[in-house]
Amino acid sequence: MGIPEAMQGVCDVFNEKHPVGSSVTVIKDLGERVETSVKYPAEIMGGHSPVVWLKGISGAHALDRVIA
């Protein structure tokens, strides 16, 4: 399995466990934890980063910063 397939696998697992509307916590750049929910399914951004879009937060966030 190559890197794109592995990243897609990470997105697929996240999306299965945390569908749109699921409550999650995101850790922002300075360590602040924000309670939010999934706005759009996780995807690979730019061919290099698994990300998810969250309600009330601008931009996408790396999946490794999202806690269920």
Protein backbone atom coordinates (compact mmCIF):
# COMPACT_ATOMS: atom_id res chain seq x y z
CA MET A 1 0.00 0.00 0.00
CA GLY A 2 1.35 3.41 -0.95
CA ILE A 3 1.12 6.65 0.95
CA PRO A 4 -2.03 7.97 -0.82
CA GLU A 5 -3.83 4.71 -0.10
CA ALA A 6 -2.74 4.79 3.54
CA MET A 7 -3.97 8.38 3.95
CA GLN A 8 -7.28 7.48 2.33
CA GLY A 9 -7.54 4.58 4.76
CA VAL A 10 -7.08 6.98 7.68
CA CYS A 11 -9.86 9.19 6.28
CA ASP A 12 -12.16 6.21 5.68
CA VAL A 13 -11.75 4.94 9.25
CA PHE A 14 -12.34 8.41 10.69
CA ASN A 15 -15.46 8.91 8.55
CA GLU A 16 -16.87 5.53 9.54
CA LYS A 17 -16.39 6.18 13.25
CA HIS A 18 -17.27 9.91 13.18
CA PRO A 19 -19.89 10.73 10.55
CA VAL A 20 -21.02 14.29 9.84
CA GLY A 21 -22.59 15.74 12.98
CA SER A 22 -20.44 13.73 15.41
CA SER A 23 -19.04 15.61 18.40
CA VAL A 24 -15.25 15.95 18.49
CA THR A 25 -12.55 18.04 20.13
CA VAL A 26 -9.86 19.78 18.07
CA ILE A 27 -6.51 20.88 19.46
CA LYS A 28 -5.64 24.23 17.89
CA ASP A 29 -2.13 25.53 17.16
CA LEU A 30 -1.51 26.98 20.63
CA GLY A 31 -2.90 23.93 22.42
CA GLU A 32 -6.42 25.26 22.99
CA ARG A 33 -9.05 22.49 22.95
CA VAL A 34 -12.30 23.37 21.22
CA GLU A 35 -15.48 21.27 21.35
CA THR A 36 -17.14 21.13 17.92
CA SER A 37 -18.63 18.67 15.45
CA VAL A 38 -17.81 17.24 12.04
CA LYS A 39 -19.09 19.50 9.25
CA TYR A 40 -17.85 17.56 6.19
CA PRO A 41 -16.24 14.12 5.86
CA ALA A 42 -12.48 13.77 6.22
CA GLU A 43 -10.48 13.93 2.98
CA ILE A 44 -6.94 14.20 1.68
CA MET A 45 -6.05 17.84 1.09
CA GLY A 46 -3.55 18.65 -1.62
CA GLY A 47 -2.53 15.02 -1.93
CA HIS A 48 -0.54 15.16 1.31
CA SER A 49 -2.66 15.70 4.43
CA PRO A 50 -5.69 13.91 5.89
CA VAL A 51 -7.98 16.68 7.17
CA VAL A 52 -11.54 17.24 8.38
CA TRP A 53 -13.83 20.25 8.26
CA LEU A 54 -15.40 21.25 11.58
CA LYS A 55 -18.39 23.42 12.50
CA GLY A 56 -17.66 26.93 13.73
CA ILE A 57 -13.95 26.72 12.89
CA SER A 58 -12.44 28.25 9.77
CA GLY A 59 -10.47 25.96 7.48
CA ALA A 60 -9.73 22.27 7.71
CA HIS A 61 -7.81 20.61 10.53
CA ALA A 62 -5.36 17.72 10.45
CA LEU A 63 -6.94 14.49 11.64
CA ASP A 64 -4.09 13.96 14.10
CA ARG A 65 -5.39 17.02 16.03
CA VAL A 66 -8.96 15.76 16.31
CA ILE A 67 -10.07 13.71 19.32
CA ALA A 68 -13.36 11.87 19.42
